[in-house]
PDB file of N, CA and C in Angstrom:
ATOM      1  N   MET A   1       0.839  -1.177   0.000  1.00  0.00           N
ATOM      2  CA  MET A   1       0.000   0.000   0.000  1.00  0.00           C
ATOM      3  C   MET A   1       0.888   1.247   0.000  1.00  0.00           C
ATOM      4  N   LYS A   2       0.482   2.225  -0.761  1.00  0.00           N
ATOM      5  CA  LYS A   2       1.240   3.475  -0.819  1.00  0.00           C
ATOM      6  C   LYS A   2       0.843   4.349   0.364  1.00  0.00           C
ATOM      7  N   VAL A   3       1.827   4.675   1.200  1.00  0.00           N
ATOM      8  CA  VAL A   3       1.578   5.540   2.342  1.00  0.00           C
ATOM      9  C   VAL A   3       2.309   6.852   2.123  1.00  0.00           C
ATOM     10  N   ASN A   4       1.567   7.929   2.078  1.00  0.00           N
ATOM     11  CA  ASN A   4       2.141   9.251   1.908  1.00  0.00           C
ATOM     12  C   ASN A   4       2.266   9.878   3.300  1.00  0.00           C
ATOM     13  N   THR A   5       3.491   9.965   3.816  1.00  0.00           N
ATOM     14  CA  THR A   5       3.709  10.485   5.162  1.00  0.00           C
ATOM     15  C   THR A   5       4.222  11.917   5.096  1.00  0.00           C
ATOM     16  N   GLN A   6       3.560  12.795   5.839  1.00  0.00           N
ATOM     17  CA  GLN A   6       3.992  14.198   5.900  1.00  0.00           C
ATOM     18  C   GLN A   6       4.192  14.588   7.353  1.00  0.00           C
ATOM     19  N   SER A   7       5.345  15.166   7.641  1.00  0.00           N
ATOM     20  CA  SER A   7       5.586  15.661   8.992  1.00  0.00           C
ATOM     21  C   SER A   7       5.520  17.185   8.961  1.00  0.00           C
ATOM     22  N   VAL A   8       4.768  17.750   9.884  1.00  0.00           N
ATOM     23  CA  VAL A   8       4.538  19.192   9.928  1.00  0.00           C
ATOM     24  C   VAL A   8       5.445  19.815  10.994  1.00  0.00           C
ATOM     25  N   ASN A   9       6.222  20.791  10.595  1.00  0.00           N
ATOM     26  CA  ASN A   9       7.117  21.560  11.484  1.00  0.00           C
ATOM     27  C   ASN A   9       8.273  20.768  12.092  1.00  0.00           C
ATOM     28  N   PHE A  10       8.566  19.610  11.554  1.00  0.00           N
ATOM     29  CA  PHE A  10       9.756  18.861  11.975  1.00  0.00           C
ATOM     30  C   PHE A  10      10.089  17.841  10.903  1.00  0.00           C
ATOM     31  N   HIS A  11      11.271  17.237  11.009  1.00  0.00           N
ATOM     32  CA  HIS A  11      11.682  16.244  10.016  1.00  0.00           C
ATOM     33  C   HIS A  11      11.609  14.851  10.643  1.00  0.00           C
ATOM     34  N   ALA A  12      10.757  13.983  10.070  1.00  0.00           N
ATOM     35  CA  ALA A  12      10.624  12.613  10.577  1.00  0.00           C
ATOM     36  C   ALA A  12      11.777  11.773  10.049  1.00  0.00           C
ATOM     37  N   ASP A  13      12.417  11.007  10.927  1.00  0.00           N
ATOM     38  CA  ASP A  13      13.534  10.169  10.471  1.00  0.00           C
ATOM     39  C   ASP A  13      13.016   8.924   9.757  1.00  0.00           C
ATOM     40  N   ARG A  14      13.906   8.297   9.010  1.00  0.00           N
ATOM     41  CA  ARG A  14      13.515   7.147   8.177  1.00  0.00           C
ATOM     42  C   ARG A  14      12.996   5.990   9.011  1.00  0.00           C
ATOM     43  N   LYS A  15      13.530   5.847  10.222  1.00  0.00           N
ATOM     44  CA  LYS A  15      13.098   4.762  11.096  1.00  0.00           C
ATOM     45  C   LYS A  15      11.606   4.896  11.421  1.00  0.00           C
ATOM     46  N   LEU A  16      11.182   6.117  11.737  1.00  0.00           N
ATOM     47  CA  LEU A  16       9.777   6.369  12.049  1.00  0.00           C
ATOM     48  C   LEU A  16       8.906   6.143  10.821  1.00  0.00           C
ATOM     49  N   ILE A  17       9.344   6.619   9.677  1.00  0.00           N
ATOM     50  CA  ILE A  17       8.562   6.468   8.440  1.00  0.00           C
ATOM     51  C   ILE A  17       8.426   4.996   8.057  1.00  0.00           C
ATOM     52  N   SER A  18       9.498   4.217   8.193  1.00  0.00           N
ATOM     53  CA  SER A  18       9.393   2.792   7.852  1.00  0.00           C
ATOM     54  C   SER A  18       8.538   2.049   8.880  1.00  0.00           C
ATOM     55  N   PHE A  19       8.578   2.492  10.144  1.00  0.00           N
ATOM     56  CA  PHE A  19       7.715   1.912  11.184  1.00  0.00           C
ATOM     57  C   PHE A  19       6.247   2.119  10.804  1.00  0.00           C
ATOM     58  N   ILE A  20       5.908   3.343  10.410  1.00  0.00           N
ATOM     59  CA  ILE A  20       4.533   3.666  10.017  1.00  0.00           C
ATOM     60  C   ILE A  20       4.129   2.860   8.781  1.00  0.00           C
ATOM     61  N   GLN A  21       5.034   2.779   7.794  1.00  0.00           N
ATOM     62  CA  GLN A  21       4.753   2.021   6.566  1.00  0.00           C
ATOM     63  C   GLN A  21       4.446   0.557   6.892  1.00  0.00           C
ATOM     64  N   LYS A  22       5.266  -0.029   7.761  1.00  0.00           N
ATOM     65  CA  LYS A  22       5.090  -1.433   8.135  1.00  0.00           C
ATOM     66  C   LYS A  22       3.733  -1.663   8.804  1.00  0.00           C
ATOM     67  N   ARG A  23       3.377  -0.763   9.717  1.00  0.00           N
ATOM     68  CA  ARG A  23       2.102  -0.885  10.422  1.00  0.00           C
ATOM     69  C   ARG A  23       0.918  -0.691   9.466  1.00  0.00           C
ATOM     70  N   MET A  24       1.030   0.284   8.574  1.00  0.00           N
ATOM     71  CA  MET A  24      -0.060   0.548   7.630  1.00  0.00           C
ATOM     72  C   MET A  24      -0.227  -0.622   6.659  1.00  0.00           C
ATOM     73  N   ASP A  25       0.883  -1.266   6.293  1.00  0.00           N
ATOM     74  CA  ASP A  25       0.806  -2.417   5.392  1.00  0.00           C
ATOM     75  C   ASP A  25      -0.044  -3.536   5.985  1.00  0.00           C
ATOM     76  N   LYS A  26      -0.079  -3.645   7.315  1.00  0.00           N
ATOM     77  CA  LYS A  26      -0.867  -4.694   7.957  1.00  0.00           C
ATOM     78  C   LYS A  26      -2.356  -4.511   7.719  1.00  0.00           C
ATOM     79  N   LEU A  27      -2.771  -3.286   7.407  1.00  0.00           N
ATOM     80  CA  LEU A  27      -4.195  -3.043   7.155  1.00  0.00           C
ATOM     81  C   LEU A  27      -4.681  -3.823   5.937  1.00  0.00           C
ATOM     82  N   ASP A  28      -3.769  -4.121   5.004  1.00  0.00           N
ATOM     83  CA  ASP A  28      -4.137  -4.891   3.817  1.00  0.00           C
ATOM     84  C   ASP A  28      -4.672  -6.276   4.186  1.00  0.00           C
ATOM     85  N   LEU A  29      -4.268  -6.793   5.352  1.00  0.00           N
ATOM     86  CA  LEU A  29      -4.745  -8.104   5.790  1.00  0.00           C
ATOM     87  C   LEU A  29      -6.237  -8.058   6.100  1.00  0.00           C
ATOM     88  N   PHE A  30      -6.717  -6.899   6.526  1.00  0.00           N
ATOM     89  CA  PHE A  30      -8.111  -6.779   6.931  1.00  0.00           C
ATOM     90  C   PHE A  30      -9.016  -6.335   5.793  1.00  0.00           C
ATOM     91  N   TYR A  31      -8.455  -5.523   4.883  1.00  0.00           N
ATOM     92  CA  TYR A  31      -9.259  -5.004   3.784  1.00  0.00           C
ATOM     93  C   TYR A  31      -8.317  -4.735   2.628  1.00  0.00           C
ATOM     94  N   ASP A  32      -8.442  -5.528   1.558  1.00  0.00           N
ATOM     95  CA  ASP A  32      -7.442  -5.465   0.488  1.00  0.00           C
ATOM     96  C   ASP A  32      -7.737  -4.434  -0.594  1.00  0.00           C
ATOM     97  N   LYS A  33      -8.787  -3.640  -0.414  1.00  0.00           N
ATOM     98  CA  LYS A  33      -9.136  -2.663  -1.449  1.00  0.00           C
ATOM     99  C   LYS A  33      -8.717  -1.236  -1.088  1.00  0.00           C
ATOM    100  N   VAL A  34      -7.754  -1.092  -0.193  1.00  0.00           N
ATOM    101  CA  VAL A  34      -7.296   0.243   0.192  1.00  0.00           C
ATOM    102  C   VAL A  34      -6.581   0.881  -0.998  1.00  0.00           C
ATOM    103  N   ILE A  35      -7.013   2.080  -1.380  1.00  0.00           N
ATOM    104  CA  ILE A  35      -6.423   2.770  -2.521  1.00  0.00           C
ATOM    105  C   ILE A  35      -5.120   3.453  -2.116  1.00  0.00           C
ATOM    106  N   LYS A  36      -5.204   4.279  -1.079  1.00  0.00           N
ATOM    107  CA  LYS A  36      -4.005   4.968  -0.603  1.00  0.00           C
ATOM    108  C   LYS A  36      -4.246   5.443   0.811  1.00  0.00           C
ATOM    109  N   SER A  37      -3.173   5.859   1.447  1.00  0.00           N
ATOM    110  CA  SER A  37      -3.339   6.432   2.778  1.00  0.00           C
ATOM    111  C   SER A  37      -2.384   7.604   2.954  1.00  0.00           C
ATOM    112  N   ASP A  38      -2.887   8.625   3.604  1.00  0.00           N
ATOM    113  CA  ASP A  38      -2.093   9.807   3.915  1.00  0.00           C
ATOM    114  C   ASP A  38      -1.920   9.871   5.423  1.00  0.00           C
ATOM    115  N   VAL A  39      -0.689  10.082   5.854  1.00  0.00           N
ATOM    116  CA  VAL A  39      -0.396  10.178   7.280  1.00  0.00           C
ATOM    117  C   VAL A  39       0.201  11.547   7.548  1.00  0.00           C
ATOM    118  N   PHE A  40      -0.308  12.207   8.570  1.00  0.00           N
ATOM    119  CA  PHE A  40       0.206  13.511   8.970  1.00  0.00           C
ATOM    120  C   PHE A  40       0.734  13.417  10.393  1.00  0.00           C
ATOM    121  N   LEU A  41       1.955  13.838  10.589  1.00  0.00           N
ATOM    122  CA  LEU A  41       2.576  13.841  11.909  1.00  0.00           C
ATOM    123  C   LEU A  41       2.768  15.288  12.333  1.00  0.00           C
ATOM    124  N   LYS A  42       2.274  15.622  13.513  1.00  0.00           N
ATOM    125  CA  LYS A  42       2.389  16.999  13.990  1.00  0.00           C
ATOM    126  C   LYS A  42       2.874  16.999  15.427  1.00  0.00           C
ATOM    127  N   VAL A  43       3.634  18.034  15.766  1.00  0.00           N
ATOM    128  CA  VAL A  43       4.053  18.230  17.147  1.00  0.00           C
ATOM    129  C   VAL A  43       3.436  19.540  17.615  1.00  0.00           C
ATOM    130  N   GLU A  44       2.663  19.461  18.697  1.00  0.00           N
ATOM    131  CA  GLU A  44       2.052  20.671  19.235  1.00  0.00           C
ATOM    132  C   GLU A  44       3.023  21.354  20.188  1.00  0.00           C
ATOM    133  N   ASN A  45       3.052  22.648  20.156  1.00  0.00           N
ATOM    134  CA  ASN A  45       3.928  23.397  21.055  1.00  0.00           C
ATOM    135  C   ASN A  45       3.224  23.660  22.377  1.00  0.00           C
ATOM    136  N   THR A  46       3.141  22.601  23.176  1.00  0.00           N
ATOM    137  CA  THR A  46       2.535  22.740  24.499  1.00  0.00           C
ATOM    138  C   THR A  46       3.479  22.139  25.524  1.00  0.00           C
ATOM    139  N   SER A  47       3.244  22.448  26.779  1.00  0.00           N
ATOM    140  CA  SER A  47       4.064  21.862  27.841  1.00  0.00           C
ATOM    141  C   SER A  47       3.592  20.451  28.171  1.00  0.00           C
ATOM    142  N   ASP A  48       2.453  20.074  27.591  1.00  0.00           N
ATOM    143  CA  ASP A  48       1.890  18.748  27.802  1.00  0.00           C
ATOM    144  C   ASP A  48       2.801  17.681  27.197  1.00  0.00           C
ATOM    145  N   LYS A  49       2.963  16.547  27.889  1.00  0.00           N
ATOM    146  CA  LYS A  49       3.824  15.468  27.369  1.00  0.00           C
ATOM    147  C   LYS A  49       3.210  14.810  26.136  1.00  0.00           C
ATOM    148  N   GLU A  50       1.899  14.759  26.098  1.00  0.00           N
ATOM    149  CA  GLU A  50       1.215  14.136  24.957  1.00  0.00           C
ATOM    150  C   GLU A  50       1.022  15.172  23.859  1.00  0.00           C
ATOM    151  N   ASN A  51       2.121  15.539  23.207  1.00  0.00           N
ATOM    152  CA  ASN A  51       2.045  16.605  22.197  1.00  0.00           C
ATOM    153  C   ASN A  51       2.272  16.103  20.775  1.00  0.00           C
ATOM    154  N   LYS A  52       2.330  14.786  20.584  1.00  0.00           N
ATOM    155  CA  LYS A  52       2.525  14.214  19.250  1.00  0.00           C
ATOM    156  C   LYS A  52       1.159  13.824  18.683  1.00  0.00           C
ATOM    157  N   ILE A  53       0.867  14.323  17.502  1.00  0.00           N
ATOM    158  CA  ILE A  53      -0.423  14.011  16.874  1.00  0.00           C
ATOM    159  C   ILE A  53      -0.183  13.166  15.628  1.00  0.00           C
ATOM    160  N   PHE A  54      -0.832  12.012  15.596  1.00  0.00           N
ATOM    161  CA  PHE A  54      -0.773  11.107  14.450  1.00  0.00           C
ATOM    162  C   PHE A  54      -2.150  11.125  13.817  1.00  0.00           C
ATOM    163  N   GLU A  55      -2.209  11.504  12.537  1.00  0.00           N
ATOM    164  CA  GLU A  55      -3.483  11.545  11.826  1.00  0.00           C
ATOM    165  C   GLU A  55      -3.340  10.747  10.540  1.00  0.00           C
ATOM    166  N   ALA A  56      -4.281   9.845  10.307  1.00  0.00           N
ATOM    167  CA  ALA A  56      -4.221   9.014   9.103  1.00  0.00           C
ATOM    168  C   ALA A  56      -5.548   9.087   8.369  1.00  0.00           C
ATOM    169  N   LYS A  57      -5.453   9.198   7.051  1.00  0.00           N
ATOM    170  CA  LYS A  57      -6.649   9.158   6.195  1.00  0.00           C
ATOM    171  C   LYS A  57      -6.448   8.001   5.230  1.00  0.00           C
ATOM    172  N   VAL A  58      -7.320   7.009   5.317  1.00  0.00           N
ATOM    173  CA  VAL A  58      -7.228   5.822   4.481  1.00  0.00           C
ATOM    174  C   VAL A  58      -8.379   5.843   3.479  1.00  0.00           C
ATOM    175  N   SER A  59      -8.037   5.805   2.199  1.00  0.00           N
ATOM    176  CA  SER A  59      -9.056   5.860   1.148  1.00  0.00           C
ATOM    177  C   SER A  59      -9.346   4.464   0.614  1.00  0.00           C
ATOM    178  N   VAL A  60     -10.636   4.132   0.587  1.00  0.00           N
ATOM    179  CA  VAL A  60     -11.105   2.878   0.005  1.00  0.00           C
ATOM    180  C   VAL A  60     -12.163   3.244  -1.031  1.00  0.00           C
ATOM    181  N   PRO A  61     -12.501   2.341  -1.942  1.00  0.00           N
ATOM    182  CA  PRO A  61     -13.493   2.691  -2.963  1.00  0.00           C
ATOM    183  C   PRO A  61     -14.800   3.192  -2.336  1.00  0.00           C
ATOM    184  N   GLY A  62     -15.182   4.426  -2.659  1.00  0.00           N
ATOM    185  CA  GLY A  62     -16.440   4.977  -2.195  1.00  0.00           C
ATOM    186  C   GLY A  62     -16.447   5.515  -0.777  1.00  0.00           C
ATOM    187  N   ASP A  63     -15.307   5.527  -0.107  1.00  0.00           N
ATOM    188  CA  ASP A  63     -15.293   5.974   1.281  1.00  0.00           C
ATOM    189  C   ASP A  63     -13.875   6.298   1.718  1.00  0.00           C
ATOM    190  N   SER A  64     -13.759   6.938   2.857  1.00  0.00           N
ATOM    191  CA  SER A  64     -12.432   7.123   3.457  1.00  0.00           C
ATOM    192  C   SER A  64     -12.590   7.190   4.970  1.00  0.00           C
ATOM    193  N   PHE A  65     -11.569   6.745   5.652  1.00  0.00           N
ATOM    194  CA  PHE A  65     -11.584   6.707   7.113  1.00  0.00           C
ATOM    195  C   PHE A  65     -10.503   7.641   7.627  1.00  0.00           C
ATOM    196  N   VAL A  66     -10.834   8.438   8.632  1.00  0.00           N
ATOM    197  CA  VAL A  66      -9.860   9.350   9.217  1.00  0.00           C
ATOM    198  C   VAL A  66      -9.749   9.037  10.698  1.00  0.00           C
ATOM    199  N   VAL A  67      -8.512   8.893  11.165  1.00  0.00           N
ATOM    200  CA  VAL A  67      -8.266   8.620  12.570  1.00  0.00           C
ATOM    201  C   VAL A  67      -7.219   9.615  13.060  1.00  0.00           C
ATOM    202  N   LYS A  68      -7.473  10.178  14.242  1.00  0.00           N
ATOM    203  CA  LYS A  68      -6.529  11.141  14.806  1.00  0.00           C
ATOM    204  C   LYS A  68      -6.244  10.738  16.247  1.00  0.00           C
ATOM    205  N   LYS A  69      -4.974  10.576  16.575  1.00  0.00           N
ATOM    206  CA  LYS A  69      -4.588  10.187  17.930  1.00  0.00           C
ATOM    207  C   LYS A  69      -3.512  11.133  18.447  1.00  0.00           C
ATOM    208  N   GLN A  70      -3.607  11.468  19.725  1.00  0.00           N
ATOM    209  CA  GLN A  70      -2.607  12.328  20.354  1.00  0.00           C
ATOM    210  C   GLN A  70      -1.960  11.548  21.491  1.00  0.00           C
ATOM    211  N   CYS A  71      -0.617  11.410  21.427  1.00  0.00           N
ATOM    212  CA  CYS A  71       0.104  10.581  22.389  1.00  0.00           C
ATOM    213  C   CYS A  71       1.459  11.192  22.732  1.00  0.00           C
ATOM    214  N   LYS A  72       2.198  10.446  23.565  1.00  0.00           N
ATOM    215  CA  LYS A  72       3.545  10.888  23.931  1.00  0.00           C
ATOM    216  C   LYS A  72       4.544  10.638  22.811  1.00  0.00           C
ATOM    217  N   THR A  73       4.335   9.540  22.063  1.00  0.00           N
ATOM    218  CA  THR A  73       5.252   9.216  20.955  1.00  0.00           C
ATOM    219  C   THR A  73       4.437   8.932  19.703  1.00  0.00           C
ATOM    220  N   PHE A  74       5.089   9.103  18.547  1.00  0.00           N
ATOM    221  CA  PHE A  74       4.400   8.808  17.283  1.00  0.00           C
ATOM    222  C   PHE A  74       4.150   7.314  17.145  1.00  0.00           C
ATOM    223  N   GLU A  75       5.053   6.497  17.697  1.00  0.00           N
ATOM    224  CA  GLU A  75       4.878   5.043  17.611  1.00  0.00           C
ATOM    225  C   GLU A  75       3.607   4.617  18.341  1.00  0.00           C
ATOM    226  N   GLU A  76       3.406   5.185  19.532  1.00  0.00           N
ATOM    227  CA  GLU A  76       2.210   4.871  20.313  1.00  0.00           C
ATOM    228  C   GLU A  76       0.957   5.337  19.565  1.00  0.00           C
ATOM    229  N   GLY A  77       1.019   6.533  19.002  1.00  0.00           N
ATOM    230  CA  GLY A  77      -0.100   7.067  18.228  1.00  0.00           C
ATOM    231  C   GLY A  77      -0.404   6.209  17.013  1.00  0.00           C
ATOM    232  N   THR A  78       0.674   5.738  16.361  1.00  0.00           N
ATOM    233  CA  THR A  78       0.519   4.868  15.186  1.00  0.00           C
ATOM    234  C   THR A  78      -0.214   3.595  15.571  1.00  0.00           C
ATOM    235  N   ASP A  79       0.229   2.946  16.646  1.00  0.00           N
ATOM    236  CA  ASP A  79      -0.385   1.692  17.071  1.00  0.00           C
ATOM    237  C   ASP A  79      -1.863   1.871  17.423  1.00  0.00           C
ATOM    238  N   MET A  80      -2.174   2.958  18.131  1.00  0.00           N
ATOM    239  CA  MET A  80      -3.569   3.211  18.514  1.00  0.00           C
ATOM    240  C   MET A  80      -4.435   3.496  17.282  1.00  0.00           C
ATOM    241  N   ALA A  81      -3.891   4.265  16.354  1.00  0.00           N
ATOM    242  CA  ALA A  81      -4.645   4.605  15.143  1.00  0.00           C
ATOM    243  C   ALA A  81      -4.872   3.374  14.275  1.00  0.00           C
ATOM    244  N   ILE A  82      -3.840   2.530  14.149  1.00  0.00           N
ATOM    245  CA  ILE A  82      -3.967   1.313  13.333  1.00  0.00           C
ATOM    246  C   ILE A  82      -5.035   0.394  13.930  1.00  0.00           C
ATOM    247  N   ALA A  83      -5.051   0.260  15.255  1.00  0.00           N
ATOM    248  CA  ALA A  83      -6.059  -0.587  15.905  1.00  0.00           C
ATOM    249  C   ALA A  83      -7.461  -0.068  15.585  1.00  0.00           C
ATOM    250  N   SER A  84      -7.613   1.236  15.611  1.00  0.00           N
ATOM    251  CA  SER A  84      -8.903   1.845  15.309  1.00  0.00           C
ATOM    252  C   SER A  84      -9.280   1.632  13.839  1.00  0.00           C
ATOM    253  N   LEU A  85      -8.314   1.801  12.950  1.00  0.00           N
ATOM    254  CA  LEU A  85      -8.559   1.592  11.517  1.00  0.00           C
ATOM    255  C   LEU A  85      -8.899   0.131  11.223  1.00  0.00           C
ATOM    256  N   GLU A  86      -8.241  -0.793  11.915  1.00  0.00           N
ATOM    257  CA  GLU A  86      -8.531  -2.218  11.726  1.00  0.00           C
ATOM    258  C   GLU A  86     -10.001  -2.488  12.010  1.00  0.00           C
ATOM    259  N   ARG A  87     -10.493  -1.950  13.134  1.00  0.00           N
ATOM    260  CA  ARG A  87     -11.904  -2.151  13.495  1.00  0.00           C
ATOM    261  C   ARG A  87     -12.819  -1.582  12.419  1.00  0.00           C
ATOM    262  N   GLN A  88     -12.518  -0.363  11.948  1.00  0.00           N
ATOM    263  CA  GLN A  88     -13.371   0.280  10.948  1.00  0.00           C
ATOM    264  C   GLN A  88     -13.366  -0.505   9.632  1.00  0.00           C
ATOM    265  N   LEU A  89     -12.181  -0.978   9.224  1.00  0.00           N
ATOM    266  CA  LEU A  89     -12.089  -1.717   7.963  1.00  0.00           C
ATOM    267  C   LEU A  89     -12.797  -3.067   8.057  1.00  0.00           C
ATOM    268  N   LYS A  90     -12.672  -3.739   9.213  1.00  0.00           N
ATOM    269  CA  LYS A  90     -13.373  -5.015   9.401  1.00  0.00           C
ATOM    270  C   LYS A  90     -14.873  -4.797   9.325  1.00  0.00           C
ATOM    271  N   LYS A  91     -15.337  -3.725   9.976  1.00  0.00           N
ATOM    272  CA  LYS A  91     -16.765  -3.405   9.978  1.00  0.00           C
ATOM    273  C   LYS A  91     -17.253  -3.160   8.549  1.00  0.00           C
ATOM    274  N   ARG A  92     -16.465  -2.421   7.784  1.00  0.00           N
ATOM    275  CA  ARG A  92     -16.839  -2.119   6.395  1.00  0.00           C
ATOM    276  C   ARG A  92     -16.900  -3.399   5.562  1.00  0.00           C
ATOM    277  N   LYS A  93     -15.919  -4.271   5.758  1.00  0.00           N
ATOM    278  CA  LYS A  93     -15.861  -5.520   5.008  1.00  0.00           C
ATOM    279  C   LYS A  93     -17.086  -6.385   5.324  1.00  0.00           C
ATOM    280  N   GLU A  94     -17.448  -6.453   6.615  1.00  0.00           N
ATOM    281  CA  GLU A  94     -18.623  -7.236   7.015  1.00  0.00           C
ATOM    282  C   GLU A  94     -19.900  -6.645   6.421  1.00  0.00           C
ATOM    283  N   LYS A  95     -19.967  -5.321   6.407  1.00  0.00           N
ATOM    284  CA  LYS A  95     -21.137  -4.641   5.853  1.00  0.00           C
ATOM    285  C   LYS A  95     -21.278  -4.967   4.369  1.00  0.00           C
ATOM    286  N   LEU A  96     -20.169  -4.919   3.631  1.00  0.00           N
ATOM    287  CA  LEU A  96     -20.205  -5.228   2.202  1.00  0.00           C
ATOM    288  C   LEU A  96     -20.592  -6.693   1.991  1.00  0.00           C
ATOM    289  N   ARG A  97     -20.062  -7.565   2.832  1.00  0.00           N
ATOM    290  CA  ARG A  97     -20.364  -8.982   2.718  1.00  0.00           C
ATOM    291  C   ARG A  97     -21.842  -9.259   2.962  1.00  0.00           C
ATOM    292  N   SER A  98     -22.414  -8.601   3.978  1.00  0.00           N
ATOM    293  CA  SER A  98     -23.828  -8.827   4.288  1.00  0.00           C
ATOM    294  C   SER A  98     -24.738  -8.231   3.208  1.00  0.00           C
ATOM    295  N   ASN A  99     -24.271  -7.199   2.504  1.00  0.00           N
ATOM    296  CA  ASN A  99     -25.064  -6.619   1.426  1.00  0.00           C
ATOM    297  C   ASN A  99     -25.096  -7.530   0.190  1.00  0.00           C
ATOM    298  N   LEU A 100     -24.096  -8.388   0.053  1.00  0.00           N
ATOM    299  CA  LEU A 100     -24.054  -9.298  -1.092  1.00  0.00           C
ATOM    300  C   LEU A 100     -25.084 -10.418  -0.968  1.00  0.00           C
ATOM    301  N   HIS A 101     -25.400 -10.801   0.270  1.00  0.00           N
ATOM    302  CA  HIS A 101     -26.313 -11.940   0.484  1.00  0.00           C
ATOM    303  C   HIS A 101     -27.751 -11.529   0.428  1.00  0.00           C
TER     304      HIS A 101
END
């Protein structure tokens, strides 16, 4: 799956980008019709420790899913967002399957 990763106001290192790519690739196991996904990484200028924002937009035929998570690290945000996307994609797949019958 093609993952377009954009980091806002900072430079994301290759390790983080490949981590995100690997996690996003797992979504193909749940729903194989994903067209593309856009990931936005942002750091908020607050004194709060949870200042990393991970936002993902996953496009599928006829729909798109957006998930936004705010955490201490981008890795944690990625994992939480992927778990949420997995649930949404499974739900969509079941809905399509039940419409066929």
